[in-house]
């Protein structure tokens, strides 16, 4: 959020919201927290920042994401990436 504010970006979001392994509530809470913090700092000449809450899993957006991944041959990680998901079961 601070990086964006320093560059005049008024709206931010994250690709984490498209992952079925992530909590949308937790993501949105963190995004709102970051935006509130940056807005409280009032970086000179920066616009008031907004957190864009969007459920990327509905309304055809998930299918569009899959199509873009295939079209551009993007890497699509099939696990959350945290240390716990990388552990092998004993």
N, C-alpha and C. Protein backbone atom coordinates (compact mmCIF):
# COMPACT_ATOMS: atom_id res chain seq x y z
N UNK A 1 0.84 -1.19 0.00
CA UNK A 1 0.00 0.00 0.00
C UNK A 1 0.88 1.25 0.00
N UNK A 2 1.91 1.24 0.81
CA UNK A 2 2.80 2.41 0.87
C UNK A 2 3.49 2.61 -0.48
N UNK A 3 3.98 1.54 -1.07
CA UNK A 3 4.64 1.61 -2.38
C UNK A 3 3.71 2.26 -3.40
N UNK A 4 2.46 1.81 -3.40
CA UNK A 4 1.48 2.37 -4.33
C UNK A 4 1.19 3.83 -4.04
N UNK A 5 1.00 4.16 -2.78
CA UNK A 5 0.70 5.54 -2.41
C UNK A 5 1.82 6.48 -2.82
N UNK A 6 3.06 6.03 -2.66
CA UNK A 6 4.21 6.86 -3.04
C UNK A 6 4.27 7.09 -4.54
N UNK A 7 3.56 6.28 -5.30
CA UNK A 7 3.55 6.40 -6.76
C UNK A 7 2.21 6.90 -7.29
N UNK A 8 1.35 7.36 -6.39
CA UNK A 8 0.08 7.96 -6.80
C UNK A 8 -1.01 6.97 -7.16
N UNK A 9 -0.87 5.74 -6.78
CA UNK A 9 -1.89 4.72 -7.07
C UNK A 9 -3.01 4.86 -6.05
N UNK A 10 -4.24 4.92 -6.53
CA UNK A 10 -5.37 5.17 -5.64
C UNK A 10 -6.13 3.91 -5.22
N UNK A 11 -6.00 2.83 -5.97
CA UNK A 11 -6.74 1.60 -5.67
C UNK A 11 -5.79 0.42 -5.73
N UNK A 12 -5.86 -0.44 -4.73
CA UNK A 12 -5.03 -1.64 -4.75
C UNK A 12 -5.88 -2.87 -4.45
N UNK A 13 -5.37 -4.02 -4.86
CA UNK A 13 -5.96 -5.32 -4.58
C UNK A 13 -4.84 -6.34 -4.64
N UNK A 14 -5.18 -7.63 -4.66
CA UNK A 14 -4.17 -8.68 -4.71
C UNK A 14 -4.66 -9.88 -5.48
N UNK A 15 -3.74 -10.59 -6.10
CA UNK A 15 -4.10 -11.83 -6.78
C UNK A 15 -4.40 -12.95 -5.78
N UNK A 16 -4.04 -12.76 -4.52
CA UNK A 16 -4.35 -13.78 -3.51
C UNK A 16 -5.85 -14.05 -3.44
N UNK A 17 -6.66 -13.08 -3.80
CA UNK A 17 -8.11 -13.23 -3.73
C UNK A 17 -8.64 -14.25 -4.73
N UNK A 18 -7.83 -14.68 -5.68
CA UNK A 18 -8.30 -15.68 -6.65
C UNK A 18 -7.98 -17.10 -6.20
N UNK A 19 -7.19 -17.26 -5.19
CA UNK A 19 -6.79 -18.59 -4.73
C UNK A 19 -7.85 -19.23 -3.85
N UNK A 20 -8.22 -20.44 -4.19
CA UNK A 20 -9.22 -21.14 -3.37
C UNK A 20 -8.64 -21.58 -2.03
N UNK A 21 -7.34 -21.48 -1.87
CA UNK A 21 -6.69 -21.89 -0.63
C UNK A 21 -6.57 -20.73 0.37
N UNK A 22 -6.97 -19.56 -0.03
CA UNK A 22 -6.84 -18.39 0.84
C UNK A 22 -8.20 -17.96 1.38
N UNK A 23 -8.19 -17.35 2.54
CA UNK A 23 -9.40 -16.82 3.17
C UNK A 23 -9.66 -15.41 2.65
N UNK A 24 -10.78 -15.24 1.95
CA UNK A 24 -11.12 -13.91 1.43
C UNK A 24 -11.29 -12.90 2.57
N UNK A 25 -11.89 -13.34 3.66
CA UNK A 25 -12.09 -12.45 4.80
C UNK A 25 -10.75 -11.96 5.34
N UNK A 26 -9.78 -12.86 5.45
CA UNK A 26 -8.46 -12.49 5.96
C UNK A 26 -7.73 -11.57 4.99
N UNK A 27 -7.84 -11.87 3.70
CA UNK A 27 -7.20 -11.04 2.68
C UNK A 27 -7.78 -9.62 2.70
N UNK A 28 -9.11 -9.53 2.73
CA UNK A 28 -9.75 -8.22 2.74
C UNK A 28 -9.43 -7.45 4.02
N UNK A 29 -9.39 -8.14 5.14
CA UNK A 29 -9.04 -7.47 6.40
C UNK A 29 -7.63 -6.89 6.32
N UNK A 30 -6.68 -7.67 5.79
CA UNK A 30 -5.30 -7.20 5.66
C UNK A 30 -5.22 -6.03 4.67
N UNK A 31 -5.95 -6.11 3.57
CA UNK A 31 -5.94 -5.02 2.60
C UNK A 31 -6.50 -3.74 3.16
N UNK A 32 -7.63 -3.84 3.87
CA UNK A 32 -8.22 -2.65 4.49
C UNK A 32 -7.28 -2.06 5.54
N UNK A 33 -6.63 -2.93 6.30
CA UNK A 33 -5.68 -2.46 7.32
C UNK A 33 -4.54 -1.68 6.67
N UNK A 34 -3.98 -2.23 5.60
CA UNK A 34 -2.85 -1.57 4.93
C UNK A 34 -3.27 -0.22 4.36
N UNK A 35 -4.44 -0.18 3.73
CA UNK A 35 -4.94 1.07 3.15
C UNK A 35 -5.23 2.10 4.24
N UNK A 36 -5.87 1.66 5.31
CA UNK A 36 -6.15 2.58 6.42
C UNK A 36 -4.86 3.18 6.99
N UNK A 37 -3.86 2.35 7.09
CA UNK A 37 -2.58 2.81 7.64
C UNK A 37 -1.93 3.85 6.72
N UNK A 38 -1.92 3.58 5.42
CA UNK A 38 -1.34 4.52 4.45
C UNK A 38 -2.14 5.82 4.43
N UNK A 39 -3.47 5.71 4.45
CA UNK A 39 -4.29 6.92 4.44
C UNK A 39 -4.06 7.76 5.70
N UNK A 40 -3.82 7.11 6.82
CA UNK A 40 -3.55 7.83 8.07
C UNK A 40 -2.21 8.56 8.01
N UNK A 41 -1.26 8.02 7.26
CA UNK A 41 0.06 8.66 7.13
C UNK A 41 0.00 9.88 6.23
N UNK A 42 -0.97 9.90 5.32
CA UNK A 42 -1.16 11.00 4.37
C UNK A 42 0.14 11.40 3.68
N UNK A 43 0.63 10.52 2.88
CA UNK A 43 1.83 10.79 2.09
C UNK A 43 1.53 11.97 1.16
N UNK A 44 2.46 12.90 1.14
CA UNK A 44 2.27 14.13 0.37
C UNK A 44 1.92 13.85 -1.08
N UNK A 45 0.91 14.52 -1.57
CA UNK A 45 0.40 14.46 -2.94
C UNK A 45 -0.20 13.10 -3.33
N UNK A 46 -0.31 12.18 -2.39
CA UNK A 46 -0.90 10.88 -2.70
C UNK A 46 -2.42 10.96 -2.59
N UNK A 47 -3.14 10.33 -3.52
CA UNK A 47 -4.60 10.31 -3.41
C UNK A 47 -5.02 9.42 -2.24
N UNK A 48 -6.24 9.61 -1.76
CA UNK A 48 -6.76 8.70 -0.75
C UNK A 48 -6.85 7.32 -1.38
N UNK A 49 -6.27 6.34 -0.72
CA UNK A 49 -6.20 5.00 -1.28
C UNK A 49 -7.44 4.20 -0.89
N UNK A 50 -7.83 3.29 -1.78
CA UNK A 50 -8.98 2.42 -1.59
C UNK A 50 -8.53 0.97 -1.77
N UNK A 51 -9.06 0.09 -0.92
CA UNK A 51 -8.85 -1.36 -1.08
C UNK A 51 -9.99 -1.89 -1.93
N UNK A 52 -9.67 -2.55 -3.04
CA UNK A 52 -10.68 -3.10 -3.94
C UNK A 52 -11.00 -4.52 -3.52
N UNK A 53 -12.14 -4.67 -2.84
CA UNK A 53 -12.60 -6.00 -2.45
C UNK A 53 -13.33 -6.61 -3.63
N UNK A 54 -12.82 -7.73 -4.11
CA UNK A 54 -13.44 -8.39 -5.25
C UNK A 54 -13.31 -9.89 -5.07
N UNK A 55 -14.42 -10.59 -5.11
CA UNK A 55 -14.39 -12.05 -5.05
C UNK A 55 -14.10 -12.56 -6.45
N UNK A 56 -12.85 -12.86 -6.70
CA UNK A 56 -12.40 -13.29 -8.03
C UNK A 56 -12.79 -14.73 -8.32
N UNK A 57 -13.46 -15.38 -7.38
CA UNK A 57 -13.86 -16.77 -7.56
C UNK A 57 -15.26 -16.89 -8.13
N UNK A 58 -15.96 -15.78 -8.32
CA UNK A 58 -17.35 -15.80 -8.79
C UNK A 58 -17.51 -14.99 -10.06
N UNK A 59 -18.66 -15.14 -10.69
CA UNK A 59 -19.01 -14.31 -11.84
C UNK A 59 -18.17 -14.58 -13.07
N UNK A 60 -17.63 -15.77 -13.20
CA UNK A 60 -16.83 -16.11 -14.38
C UNK A 60 -15.39 -15.68 -14.30
N UNK A 61 -14.99 -15.01 -13.23
CA UNK A 61 -13.62 -14.52 -13.12
C UNK A 61 -12.62 -15.66 -12.93
N UNK A 62 -13.02 -16.70 -12.24
CA UNK A 62 -12.14 -17.85 -12.04
C UNK A 62 -11.87 -18.54 -13.38
N UNK A 63 -12.90 -18.68 -14.20
CA UNK A 63 -12.74 -19.28 -15.52
C UNK A 63 -11.87 -18.41 -16.41
N UNK A 64 -12.04 -17.11 -16.32
CA UNK A 64 -11.21 -16.17 -17.11
C UNK A 64 -9.75 -16.29 -16.70
N UNK A 65 -9.52 -16.41 -15.40
CA UNK A 65 -8.16 -16.58 -14.88
C UNK A 65 -7.52 -17.83 -15.48
N UNK A 66 -8.26 -18.93 -15.49
CA UNK A 66 -7.75 -20.20 -16.03
C UNK A 66 -7.44 -20.05 -17.52
N UNK A 67 -8.32 -19.36 -18.26
CA UNK A 67 -8.09 -19.15 -19.69
C UNK A 67 -6.83 -18.34 -19.94
N UNK A 68 -6.61 -17.29 -19.14
CA UNK A 68 -5.41 -16.46 -19.30
C UNK A 68 -4.16 -17.27 -18.98
N UNK A 69 -4.21 -18.08 -17.94
CA UNK A 69 -3.07 -18.93 -17.58
C UNK A 69 -2.69 -19.84 -18.75
N UNK A 70 -3.70 -20.45 -19.36
CA UNK A 70 -3.44 -21.35 -20.50
C UNK A 70 -2.95 -20.58 -21.72
N UNK A 71 -3.60 -19.46 -22.01
CA UNK A 71 -3.26 -18.68 -23.20
C UNK A 71 -1.82 -18.18 -23.17
N UNK A 72 -1.36 -17.72 -22.02
CA UNK A 72 -0.03 -17.14 -21.91
C UNK A 72 0.99 -18.08 -21.26
N UNK A 73 0.56 -19.30 -20.99
CA UNK A 73 1.43 -20.32 -20.39
C UNK A 73 2.06 -19.83 -19.09
N UNK A 74 1.22 -19.19 -18.25
CA UNK A 74 1.68 -18.72 -16.94
C UNK A 74 1.85 -19.91 -15.99
N UNK A 75 2.78 -19.79 -15.10
CA UNK A 75 2.94 -20.76 -14.02
C UNK A 75 1.75 -20.62 -13.08
N UNK A 76 1.16 -21.73 -12.69
CA UNK A 76 0.01 -21.73 -11.78
C UNK A 76 0.30 -22.66 -10.62
N UNK A 77 0.71 -22.09 -9.54
CA UNK A 77 1.08 -22.87 -8.35
C UNK A 77 -0.15 -23.58 -7.79
N UNK A 78 -0.02 -24.87 -7.53
CA UNK A 78 -1.15 -25.68 -7.09
C UNK A 78 -1.20 -25.88 -5.57
N UNK A 79 -0.52 -25.07 -4.84
CA UNK A 79 -0.56 -25.12 -3.38
C UNK A 79 -0.33 -23.70 -2.88
N UNK A 80 -0.61 -23.47 -1.61
CA UNK A 80 -0.58 -22.09 -1.12
C UNK A 80 0.84 -21.51 -1.03
N UNK A 81 1.84 -22.35 -0.91
CA UNK A 81 3.21 -21.85 -0.86
C UNK A 81 3.77 -21.70 0.53
N UNK A 82 2.94 -21.90 1.54
CA UNK A 82 3.44 -21.77 2.91
C UNK A 82 4.26 -23.00 3.27
N UNK A 83 5.05 -22.89 4.32
CA UNK A 83 5.92 -24.00 4.71
C UNK A 83 5.13 -25.25 5.06
N UNK A 84 3.92 -25.10 5.56
CA UNK A 84 3.12 -26.24 5.97
C UNK A 84 2.64 -27.05 4.77
N UNK A 85 2.30 -26.38 3.67
CA UNK A 85 1.81 -27.09 2.50
C UNK A 85 2.94 -27.82 1.77
N UNK A 86 4.19 -27.43 2.07
CA UNK A 86 5.32 -28.06 1.40
C UNK A 86 5.85 -29.27 2.16
N UNK A 87 5.36 -29.48 3.37
CA UNK A 87 5.80 -30.62 4.17
C UNK A 87 5.19 -31.91 3.64
N UNK A 88 5.96 -32.96 3.68
CA UNK A 88 5.46 -34.26 3.28
C UNK A 88 4.82 -34.93 4.47
N UNK A 89 3.70 -35.62 4.21
CA UNK A 89 3.04 -36.35 5.28
C UNK A 89 3.88 -37.57 5.63
N UNK A 90 3.98 -37.86 6.92
CA UNK A 90 4.71 -39.04 7.36
C UNK A 90 3.87 -40.28 7.31
